[in-house]
Amino acid sequence: MRPRHTKTPRRKPRAKTSDVLGAPPQKERIKPKWRQYYERLIELRHQLARRQTALAQSAIEEQPVFSSHMADAGTDTYDRDFALSVLSAEQNAAYEIEEALNRIRDGSYGICELTSKPIEPERLQAIPWTRFSTEAEKQLEREGAVARARLGPRETVENSSSATEAESEDVEEAE
């Protein structure tokens, strides 16, 4: 006996290149008003990533088990600990930069998270990753509720152009 309804097996559709490799990255749509801040934040993120890689490499370099002198061993340990603490601080700055990029993408960039008022353009120029207006930041600092993300002392982040130099000076003045 033969089954009543025999279907011919369906063929699966052929896979497309995008199915295998994933969709090509789409260019993010950034409001023209925030484009300069977005590009600046991207550049800062790249600079920090390069610097973090170098710091991590120097922190994990093989240290001789026995230094020639106890003072040298202490200095080696101090240098390693210092590099790791700088790396940690820069990780916090990288987080703040990434969050600022997300705010640009979702449309909440330039709005104070505390007061919901626009952040002053001068402040965004000086600290493009800021989440608070000057007034809100002062209030939070008085209350001890916020610690600033810092990029480090001047000349510790690579300068990619003379604009970057001016930006570092602006950041230091704002802090």
N, C-alpha and C. Protein backbone atom coordinates (compact mmCIF):
# COMPACT_ATOMS: atom_id res chain seq x y z
N MET A 1 0.82 -1.19 0.00
CA MET A 1 0.00 0.00 0.00
C MET A 1 0.86 1.25 0.00
N ARG A 2 0.35 2.15 -0.66
CA ARG A 2 1.04 3.41 -0.84
C ARG A 2 0.41 4.49 0.04
N PRO A 3 1.26 5.34 0.68
CA PRO A 3 0.67 6.40 1.51
C PRO A 3 -0.17 7.33 0.65
N ARG A 4 -1.15 7.89 1.27
CA ARG A 4 -2.12 8.71 0.55
C ARG A 4 -1.51 9.98 -0.03
N HIS A 5 -0.75 10.66 0.73
CA HIS A 5 -0.23 11.93 0.23
C HIS A 5 1.29 11.94 0.34
N THR A 6 1.86 11.73 -0.74
CA THR A 6 3.33 11.78 -0.77
C THR A 6 3.73 13.12 -1.36
N LYS A 7 4.56 13.76 -0.61
CA LYS A 7 5.05 15.05 -1.09
C LYS A 7 6.49 14.88 -1.52
N THR A 8 6.80 15.61 -2.52
CA THR A 8 8.21 15.61 -2.90
C THR A 8 8.94 16.49 -1.89
N PRO A 9 10.07 16.04 -1.46
CA PRO A 9 10.78 16.83 -0.45
C PRO A 9 11.14 18.20 -1.01
N ARG A 10 10.94 19.20 -0.17
CA ARG A 10 11.29 20.57 -0.56
C ARG A 10 12.77 20.78 -0.40
N ARG A 11 13.29 21.51 -1.30
CA ARG A 11 14.70 21.86 -1.19
C ARG A 11 14.83 23.12 -0.36
N LYS A 12 15.87 23.14 0.43
CA LYS A 12 16.14 24.35 1.20
C LYS A 12 16.67 25.41 0.25
N PRO A 13 16.32 26.65 0.50
CA PRO A 13 16.85 27.70 -0.37
C PRO A 13 18.36 27.80 -0.20
N ARG A 14 19.00 28.19 -1.25
CA ARG A 14 20.45 28.34 -1.21
C ARG A 14 20.84 29.47 -0.27
N ALA A 15 21.94 29.26 0.42
CA ALA A 15 22.44 30.30 1.33
C ALA A 15 23.02 31.45 0.52
N LYS A 16 22.75 32.63 0.99
CA LYS A 16 23.33 33.82 0.37
C LYS A 16 24.64 34.15 1.08
N THR A 17 25.45 34.91 0.44
CA THR A 17 26.72 35.32 1.05
C THR A 17 26.47 36.01 2.38
N SER A 18 25.46 36.86 2.43
CA SER A 18 25.17 37.58 3.68
C SER A 18 24.73 36.63 4.78
N ASP A 19 24.12 35.48 4.42
CA ASP A 19 23.74 34.49 5.43
C ASP A 19 24.97 33.88 6.07
N VAL A 20 26.00 33.68 5.28
CA VAL A 20 27.21 33.04 5.78
C VAL A 20 28.11 34.04 6.49
N LEU A 21 28.35 35.18 5.87
CA LEU A 21 29.28 36.16 6.42
C LEU A 21 28.62 37.20 7.31
N GLY A 22 27.33 37.24 7.31
CA GLY A 22 26.62 38.28 8.05
C GLY A 22 26.40 39.47 7.14
N ALA A 23 25.46 40.28 7.53
CA ALA A 23 25.15 41.46 6.72
C ALA A 23 26.33 42.42 6.78
N PRO A 24 26.60 43.09 5.67
CA PRO A 24 27.71 44.06 5.71
C PRO A 24 27.39 45.15 6.72
N PRO A 25 28.41 45.64 7.40
CA PRO A 25 28.15 46.68 8.40
C PRO A 25 27.54 47.91 7.73
N GLN A 26 26.45 48.35 8.30
CA GLN A 26 25.81 49.53 7.76
C GLN A 26 26.42 50.76 8.41
N LYS A 27 26.58 51.77 7.62
CA LYS A 27 27.13 53.00 8.15
C LYS A 27 26.12 53.57 9.14
N GLU A 28 26.63 53.89 10.32
CA GLU A 28 25.74 54.41 11.35
C GLU A 28 25.23 55.79 10.96
N ARG A 29 23.98 55.99 11.26
CA ARG A 29 23.39 57.29 10.97
C ARG A 29 23.54 58.16 12.20
N ILE A 30 24.39 59.12 12.07
CA ILE A 30 24.68 60.05 13.16
C ILE A 30 24.17 61.41 12.74
N LYS A 31 23.45 62.07 13.65
CA LYS A 31 22.97 63.41 13.32
C LYS A 31 24.15 64.31 13.02
N PRO A 32 24.05 65.11 11.98
CA PRO A 32 25.16 66.00 11.62
C PRO A 32 25.62 66.88 12.79
N LYS A 33 24.70 67.24 13.66
CA LYS A 33 25.00 68.06 14.82
C LYS A 33 26.04 67.39 15.72
N TRP A 34 26.01 66.05 15.79
CA TRP A 34 26.90 65.31 16.69
C TRP A 34 28.06 64.63 15.97
N ARG A 35 28.15 64.77 14.67
CA ARG A 35 29.18 64.07 13.89
C ARG A 35 30.60 64.36 14.39
N GLN A 36 30.94 65.62 14.63
CA GLN A 36 32.30 65.95 15.07
C GLN A 36 32.61 65.30 16.42
N TYR A 37 31.64 65.26 17.32
CA TYR A 37 31.85 64.65 18.63
C TYR A 37 32.03 63.13 18.47
N TYR A 38 31.23 62.56 17.59
CA TYR A 38 31.29 61.12 17.34
C TYR A 38 32.67 60.74 16.82
N GLU A 39 33.15 61.46 15.84
CA GLU A 39 34.47 61.16 15.26
C GLU A 39 35.58 61.36 16.28
N ARG A 40 35.46 62.39 17.09
CA ARG A 40 36.45 62.65 18.12
C ARG A 40 36.46 61.53 19.17
N LEU A 41 35.28 61.08 19.56
CA LEU A 41 35.19 59.99 20.53
C LEU A 41 35.74 58.69 19.96
N ILE A 42 35.49 58.43 18.69
CA ILE A 42 36.03 57.23 18.04
C ILE A 42 37.56 57.28 18.06
N GLU A 43 38.12 58.45 17.73
CA GLU A 43 39.58 58.59 17.73
C GLU A 43 40.14 58.40 19.14
N LEU A 44 39.50 58.99 20.13
CA LEU A 44 39.95 58.81 21.52
C LEU A 44 39.89 57.34 21.93
N ARG A 45 38.84 56.66 21.51
CA ARG A 45 38.70 55.23 21.83
C ARG A 45 39.84 54.43 21.22
N HIS A 46 40.19 54.74 19.98
CA HIS A 46 41.30 54.03 19.32
C HIS A 46 42.63 54.32 20.02
N GLN A 47 42.85 55.57 20.37
CA GLN A 47 44.09 55.93 21.06
C GLN A 47 44.19 55.21 22.40
N LEU A 48 43.09 55.18 23.14
CA LEU A 48 43.10 54.48 24.43
C LEU A 48 43.35 52.99 24.25
N ALA A 49 42.73 52.41 23.24
CA ALA A 49 42.92 50.97 23.00
C ALA A 49 44.38 50.66 22.71
N ARG A 50 45.01 51.49 21.87
CA ARG A 50 46.44 51.28 21.57
C ARG A 50 47.29 51.42 22.84
N ARG A 51 46.98 52.42 23.60
CA ARG A 51 47.74 52.66 24.83
C ARG A 51 47.51 51.54 25.85
N GLN A 52 46.28 51.08 25.96
CA GLN A 52 45.98 50.00 26.90
C GLN A 52 46.71 48.73 26.51
N THR A 53 46.80 48.47 25.22
CA THR A 53 47.53 47.29 24.75
C THR A 53 48.99 47.39 25.16
N ALA A 54 49.58 48.56 24.96
CA ALA A 54 50.99 48.74 25.32
C ALA A 54 51.20 48.61 26.83
N LEU A 55 50.28 49.18 27.62
CA LEU A 55 50.40 49.08 29.07
C LEU A 55 50.25 47.64 29.54
N ALA A 56 49.29 46.93 28.96
CA ALA A 56 49.08 45.54 29.35
C ALA A 56 50.30 44.70 29.00
N GLN A 57 50.88 44.96 27.84
CA GLN A 57 52.08 44.22 27.44
C GLN A 57 53.23 44.47 28.41
N SER A 58 53.41 45.74 28.80
CA SER A 58 54.52 46.03 29.71
C SER A 58 54.25 45.47 31.10
N ALA A 59 52.99 45.38 31.50
CA ALA A 59 52.66 44.84 32.82
C ALA A 59 52.86 43.33 32.89
N ILE A 60 52.67 42.64 31.76
CA ILE A 60 52.78 41.18 31.80
C ILE A 60 54.12 40.66 31.30
N GLU A 61 55.01 41.59 30.94
CA GLU A 61 56.33 41.15 30.50
C GLU A 61 56.94 40.27 31.57
N GLU A 62 57.68 39.30 31.13
CA GLU A 62 58.31 38.41 32.09
C GLU A 62 59.32 39.19 32.90
N GLN A 63 59.13 39.17 34.19
CA GLN A 63 60.07 39.79 35.10
C GLN A 63 61.01 38.71 35.61
N PRO A 64 62.27 39.01 35.74
CA PRO A 64 63.16 38.00 36.28
C PRO A 64 62.73 37.63 37.70
N VAL A 65 62.80 36.34 38.02
CA VAL A 65 62.38 35.87 39.32
C VAL A 65 63.23 36.50 40.41
N PHE A 66 64.50 36.59 40.16
CA PHE A 66 65.40 37.18 41.14
C PHE A 66 66.10 38.36 40.49
N SER A 67 65.83 39.56 40.97
CA SER A 67 66.55 40.72 40.47
C SER A 67 67.93 40.73 41.11
N SER A 68 68.80 41.51 40.52
CA SER A 68 70.16 41.54 41.05
C SER A 68 70.21 42.21 42.42
N HIS A 69 69.21 43.02 42.71
CA HIS A 69 69.20 43.71 44.00
C HIS A 69 67.76 43.81 44.47
N MET A 70 67.56 43.81 45.77
CA MET A 70 66.20 43.89 46.32
C MET A 70 65.51 45.18 45.91
N ALA A 71 66.26 46.27 45.84
CA ALA A 71 65.67 47.55 45.44
C ALA A 71 65.18 47.49 44.00
N ASP A 72 65.92 46.80 43.14
CA ASP A 72 65.49 46.64 41.74
C ASP A 72 64.20 45.83 41.67
N ALA A 73 64.10 44.80 42.48
CA ALA A 73 62.88 43.98 42.51
C ALA A 73 61.70 44.82 42.97
N GLY A 74 61.93 45.68 43.97
CA GLY A 74 60.86 46.57 44.45
C GLY A 74 60.43 47.55 43.38
N THR A 75 61.40 48.09 42.67
CA THR A 75 61.09 49.03 41.59
C THR A 75 60.31 48.34 40.48
N ASP A 76 60.72 47.13 40.13
CA ASP A 76 60.01 46.37 39.09
C ASP A 76 58.56 46.13 39.50
N THR A 77 58.36 45.75 40.74
CA THR A 77 57.00 45.50 41.24
C THR A 77 56.18 46.78 41.23
N TYR A 78 56.79 47.89 41.67
CA TYR A 78 56.10 49.17 41.68
C TYR A 78 55.70 49.56 40.26
N ASP A 79 56.62 49.45 39.30
CA ASP A 79 56.34 49.81 37.91
C ASP A 79 55.18 48.98 37.36
N ARG A 80 55.20 47.71 37.66
CA ARG A 80 54.13 46.82 37.19
C ARG A 80 52.79 47.21 37.79
N ASP A 81 52.76 47.46 39.10
CA ASP A 81 51.53 47.87 39.77
C ASP A 81 51.03 49.21 39.24
N PHE A 82 51.95 50.12 38.99
CA PHE A 82 51.58 51.43 38.46
C PHE A 82 50.95 51.28 37.07
N ALA A 83 51.57 50.47 36.22
CA ALA A 83 51.03 50.24 34.87
C ALA A 83 49.63 49.65 34.95
N LEU A 84 49.41 48.73 35.87
CA LEU A 84 48.08 48.12 36.03
C LEU A 84 47.06 49.13 36.55
N SER A 85 47.47 50.04 37.44
CA SER A 85 46.52 51.04 37.95
C SER A 85 46.16 52.04 36.85
N VAL A 86 47.14 52.42 36.03
CA VAL A 86 46.85 53.31 34.90
C VAL A 86 45.91 52.62 33.93
N LEU A 87 46.16 51.34 33.69
CA LEU A 87 45.30 50.56 32.80
C LEU A 87 43.87 50.53 33.31
N SER A 88 43.69 50.37 34.60
CA SER A 88 42.37 50.36 35.20
C SER A 88 41.67 51.70 35.03
N ALA A 89 42.40 52.79 35.28
CA ALA A 89 41.81 54.13 35.13
C ALA A 89 41.43 54.38 33.68
N GLU A 90 42.25 53.94 32.75
CA GLU A 90 41.95 54.14 31.34
C GLU A 90 40.79 53.26 30.89
N GLN A 91 40.61 52.14 31.54
CA GLN A 91 39.45 51.28 31.23
C GLN A 91 38.17 52.02 31.59
N ASN A 92 38.20 52.76 32.71
CA ASN A 92 37.04 53.56 33.09
C ASN A 92 36.77 54.65 32.07
N ALA A 93 37.83 55.30 31.59
CA ALA A 93 37.67 56.33 30.57
C ALA A 93 37.13 55.73 29.28
N ALA A 94 37.61 54.55 28.91
CA ALA A 94 37.13 53.88 27.70
C ALA A 94 35.64 53.55 27.83
N TYR A 95 35.23 53.14 29.02
CA TYR A 95 33.81 52.86 29.26
C TYR A 95 32.97 54.12 29.06
N GLU A 96 33.42 55.24 29.62
CA GLU A 96 32.69 56.50 29.47
C GLU A 96 32.60 56.91 28.00
N ILE A 97 33.68 56.72 27.26
CA ILE A 97 33.68 57.05 25.84
C ILE A 97 32.69 56.17 25.09
N GLU A 98 32.69 54.89 25.38
CA GLU A 98 31.76 53.96 24.71
C GLU A 98 30.30 54.32 25.03
N GLU A 99 30.05 54.69 26.27
CA GLU A 99 28.70 55.10 26.66
C GLU A 99 28.28 56.38 25.92
N ALA A 100 29.21 57.31 25.75
CA ALA A 100 28.91 58.54 25.00
C ALA A 100 28.58 58.21 23.55
N LEU A 101 29.31 57.27 22.95
CA LEU A 101 29.01 56.85 21.58
C LEU A 101 27.62 56.23 21.50
N ASN A 102 27.26 55.44 22.51
CA ASN A 102 25.92 54.86 22.54
C ASN A 102 24.85 55.93 22.67
N ARG A 103 25.12 56.97 23.46
CA ARG A 103 24.15 58.06 23.60
C ARG A 103 23.98 58.81 22.27
N ILE A 104 25.07 58.96 21.52
CA ILE A 104 24.95 59.60 20.21
C ILE A 104 24.07 58.74 19.32
N ARG A 105 24.30 57.43 19.34
CA ARG A 105 23.51 56.52 18.49
C ARG A 105 22.03 56.51 18.87
N ASP A 106 21.73 56.56 20.17
CA ASP A 106 20.33 56.46 20.57
C ASP A 106 19.63 57.81 20.70
N GLY A 107 20.37 58.90 20.45
CA GLY A 107 19.75 60.22 20.43
C GLY A 107 19.69 60.93 21.77
N SER A 108 20.33 60.41 22.81
CA SER A 108 20.29 61.07 24.11
C SER A 108 21.57 61.84 24.42
N TYR A 109 22.47 61.94 23.46
CA TYR A 109 23.73 62.66 23.66
C TYR A 109 23.45 64.14 23.80
N GLY A 110 24.21 64.78 24.69
CA GLY A 110 24.07 66.23 24.86
C GLY A 110 22.98 66.62 25.83
N ILE A 111 22.33 65.65 26.46
CA ILE A 111 21.28 65.90 27.45
C ILE A 111 21.78 65.44 28.81
N CYS A 112 21.70 66.30 29.79
CA CYS A 112 22.16 65.99 31.15
C CYS A 112 21.31 64.86 31.73
N GLU A 113 21.97 63.85 32.27
CA GLU A 113 21.26 62.71 32.84
C GLU A 113 20.59 63.05 34.16
N LEU A 114 21.01 64.13 34.80
CA LEU A 114 20.44 64.52 36.09
C LEU A 114 19.30 65.52 35.92
N THR A 115 19.54 66.54 35.10
CA THR A 115 18.55 67.61 34.97
C THR A 115 17.69 67.50 33.71
N SER A 116 18.08 66.66 32.77
CA SER A 116 17.41 66.52 31.46
C SER A 116 17.47 67.80 30.62
N LYS A 117 18.37 68.70 30.98
CA LYS A 117 18.57 69.93 30.20
C LYS A 117 19.74 69.71 29.26
N PRO A 118 19.81 70.49 28.17
CA PRO A 118 20.95 70.36 27.25
C PRO A 118 22.27 70.69 27.96
N ILE A 119 23.30 69.94 27.63
CA ILE A 119 24.64 70.20 28.15
C ILE A 119 25.25 71.30 27.30
N GLU A 120 25.96 72.20 27.95
CA GLU A 120 26.55 73.35 27.28
C GLU A 120 27.52 72.88 26.18
N PRO A 121 27.45 73.48 24.98
CA PRO A 121 28.35 73.09 23.88
C PRO A 121 29.83 73.21 24.26
N GLU A 122 30.18 74.23 25.05
CA GLU A 122 31.58 74.40 25.46
C GLU A 122 32.03 73.20 26.29
N ARG A 123 31.14 72.70 27.13
CA ARG A 123 31.47 71.54 27.97
C ARG A 123 31.64 70.29 27.12
N LEU A 124 30.78 70.13 26.13
CA LEU A 124 30.90 68.97 25.22
C LEU A 124 32.19 69.05 24.42
N GLN A 125 32.61 70.27 24.08
CA GLN A 125 33.89 70.43 23.37
C GLN A 125 35.04 70.00 24.27
N ALA A 126 34.98 70.38 25.53
CA ALA A 126 36.07 70.07 26.46
C ALA A 126 36.05 68.61 26.90
N ILE A 127 34.87 68.08 27.19
CA ILE A 127 34.73 66.71 27.69
C ILE A 127 33.63 66.03 26.88
N PRO A 128 33.96 65.50 25.70
CA PRO A 128 32.91 64.98 24.82
C PRO A 128 32.16 63.78 25.37
N TRP A 129 32.66 63.12 26.39
CA TRP A 129 31.98 61.95 26.96
C TRP A 129 31.13 62.31 28.17
N THR A 130 31.04 63.59 28.51
CA THR A 130 30.32 63.98 29.71
C THR A 130 28.85 63.58 29.67
N ARG A 131 28.33 63.28 30.85
CA ARG A 131 26.91 62.90 30.97
C ARG A 131 26.11 63.98 31.67
N PHE A 132 26.83 64.96 32.24
CA PHE A 132 26.16 65.96 33.07
C PHE A 132 26.51 67.37 32.64
N SER A 133 25.57 68.28 32.87
CA SER A 133 25.85 69.70 32.64
C SER A 133 26.80 70.16 33.74
N THR A 134 27.36 71.34 33.56
CA THR A 134 28.30 71.88 34.54
C THR A 134 27.63 72.00 35.91
N GLU A 135 26.42 72.51 35.91
CA GLU A 135 25.67 72.69 37.16
C GLU A 135 25.44 71.35 37.87
N ALA A 136 25.02 70.35 37.13
CA ALA A 136 24.76 69.03 37.72
C ALA A 136 26.06 68.39 38.21
N GLU A 137 27.14 68.55 37.45
CA GLU A 137 28.43 67.98 37.85
C GLU A 137 28.90 68.60 39.16
N LYS A 138 28.77 69.92 39.29
CA LYS A 138 29.16 70.58 40.54
C LYS A 138 28.34 70.07 41.71
N GLN A 139 27.06 69.89 41.48
CA GLN A 139 26.18 69.37 42.54
C GLN A 139 26.61 67.96 42.94
N LEU A 140 26.86 67.12 41.97
CA LEU A 140 27.28 65.74 42.25
C LEU A 140 28.63 65.70 42.97
N GLU A 141 29.54 66.58 42.59
CA GLU A 141 30.85 66.63 43.25
C GLU A 141 30.72 67.09 44.69
N ARG A 142 29.84 68.08 44.93
CA ARG A 142 29.62 68.54 46.31
C ARG A 142 29.10 67.39 47.17
N GLU A 143 28.23 66.57 46.57
CA GLU A 143 27.65 65.44 47.30
C GLU A 143 28.58 64.23 47.33
N GLY A 144 29.66 64.30 46.56
CA GLY A 144 30.61 63.18 46.52
C GLY A 144 30.05 61.98 45.78
N ALA A 145 29.14 62.21 44.86
CA ALA A 145 28.44 61.11 44.20
C ALA A 145 29.05 60.68 42.87
N VAL A 146 30.05 61.40 42.38
CA VAL A 146 30.60 61.05 41.07
C VAL A 146 32.11 61.21 41.06
N ALA A 147 32.74 60.30 40.39
CA ALA A 147 34.18 60.41 40.15
C ALA A 147 34.37 60.58 38.66
N ARG A 148 35.23 61.48 38.28
CA ARG A 148 35.44 61.76 36.86
C ARG A 148 36.30 60.70 36.20
N ALA A 149 35.96 60.41 34.98
CA ALA A 149 36.83 59.56 34.15
C ALA A 149 37.90 60.46 33.57
N ARG A 150 39.14 60.10 33.75
CA ARG A 150 40.24 60.93 33.27
C ARG A 150 41.03 60.17 32.23
N LEU A 151 41.57 60.91 31.28
CA LEU A 151 42.38 60.30 30.25
C LEU A 151 43.85 60.25 30.63
N GLY A 152 44.23 60.91 31.68
CA GLY A 152 45.62 60.89 32.10
C GLY A 152 46.25 62.25 31.87
N PRO A 153 47.48 62.39 32.34
CA PRO A 153 48.15 63.67 32.19
C PRO A 153 48.39 64.02 30.72
N ARG A 154 48.65 65.29 30.49
CA ARG A 154 48.89 65.78 29.13
C ARG A 154 50.05 65.02 28.51
N GLU A 155 49.93 64.80 27.20
CA GLU A 155 50.95 64.12 26.40
C GLU A 155 51.05 62.62 26.67
N THR A 156 50.11 62.04 27.41
CA THR A 156 50.17 60.60 27.62
C THR A 156 49.33 59.87 26.59
N VAL A 157 48.40 60.58 25.93
CA VAL A 157 47.62 60.00 24.85
C VAL A 157 48.22 60.52 23.56
N GLU A 158 48.43 59.62 22.59
CA GLU A 158 49.03 60.01 21.31
C GLU A 158 48.31 61.19 20.71
N ASN A 159 49.06 62.07 20.11
CA ASN A 159 48.47 63.17 19.37
C ASN A 159 48.39 62.78 17.92
N SER A 160 47.18 62.78 17.38
CA SER A 160 47.03 62.43 15.97
C SER A 160 47.02 63.68 15.11
N SER A 161 46.79 64.83 15.74
CA SER A 161 46.80 66.09 15.00
C SER A 161 46.94 67.22 16.00
N SER A 162 47.10 68.40 15.50
CA SER A 162 47.19 69.54 16.41
C SER A 162 45.85 69.78 17.10
N ALA A 163 44.76 69.34 16.49
CA ALA A 163 43.44 69.48 17.12
C ALA A 163 43.39 68.64 18.39
N THR A 164 44.02 67.48 18.36
CA THR A 164 44.02 66.63 19.54
C THR A 164 44.74 67.31 20.69
N GLU A 165 45.82 68.04 20.39
CA GLU A 165 46.55 68.78 21.43
C GLU A 165 45.64 69.80 22.07
N ALA A 166 44.93 70.54 21.26
CA ALA A 166 44.02 71.54 21.79
C ALA A 166 42.93 70.89 22.62
N GLU A 167 42.46 69.71 22.19
CA GLU A 167 41.43 69.00 22.93
C GLU A 167 41.93 68.59 24.30
N SER A 168 43.18 68.11 24.41
CA SER A 168 43.72 67.70 25.70
C SER A 168 43.80 68.89 26.64
N GLU A 169 44.20 70.04 26.10
CA GLU A 169 44.27 71.24 26.92
C GLU A 169 42.89 71.62 27.41
N ASP A 170 41.88 71.52 26.52
CA ASP A 170 40.52 71.84 26.91
C ASP A 170 40.05 70.91 28.03
N VAL A 171 40.38 69.63 27.93
CA VAL A 171 39.95 68.66 28.94
C VAL A 171 40.57 69.02 30.28
N GLU A 172 41.87 69.36 30.28
CA GLU A 172 42.54 69.69 31.53
C GLU A 172 41.95 70.96 32.14
N GLU A 173 41.65 71.96 31.29
CA GLU A 173 41.09 73.19 31.81
C GLU A 173 39.71 72.95 32.41
N ALA A 174 38.92 72.07 31.79
CA ALA A 174 37.57 71.80 32.28
C ALA A 174 37.59 71.06 33.61
N GLU A 175 38.64 70.30 33.84
CA GLU A 175 38.70 69.53 35.08
C GLU A 175 39.21 70.41 36.17
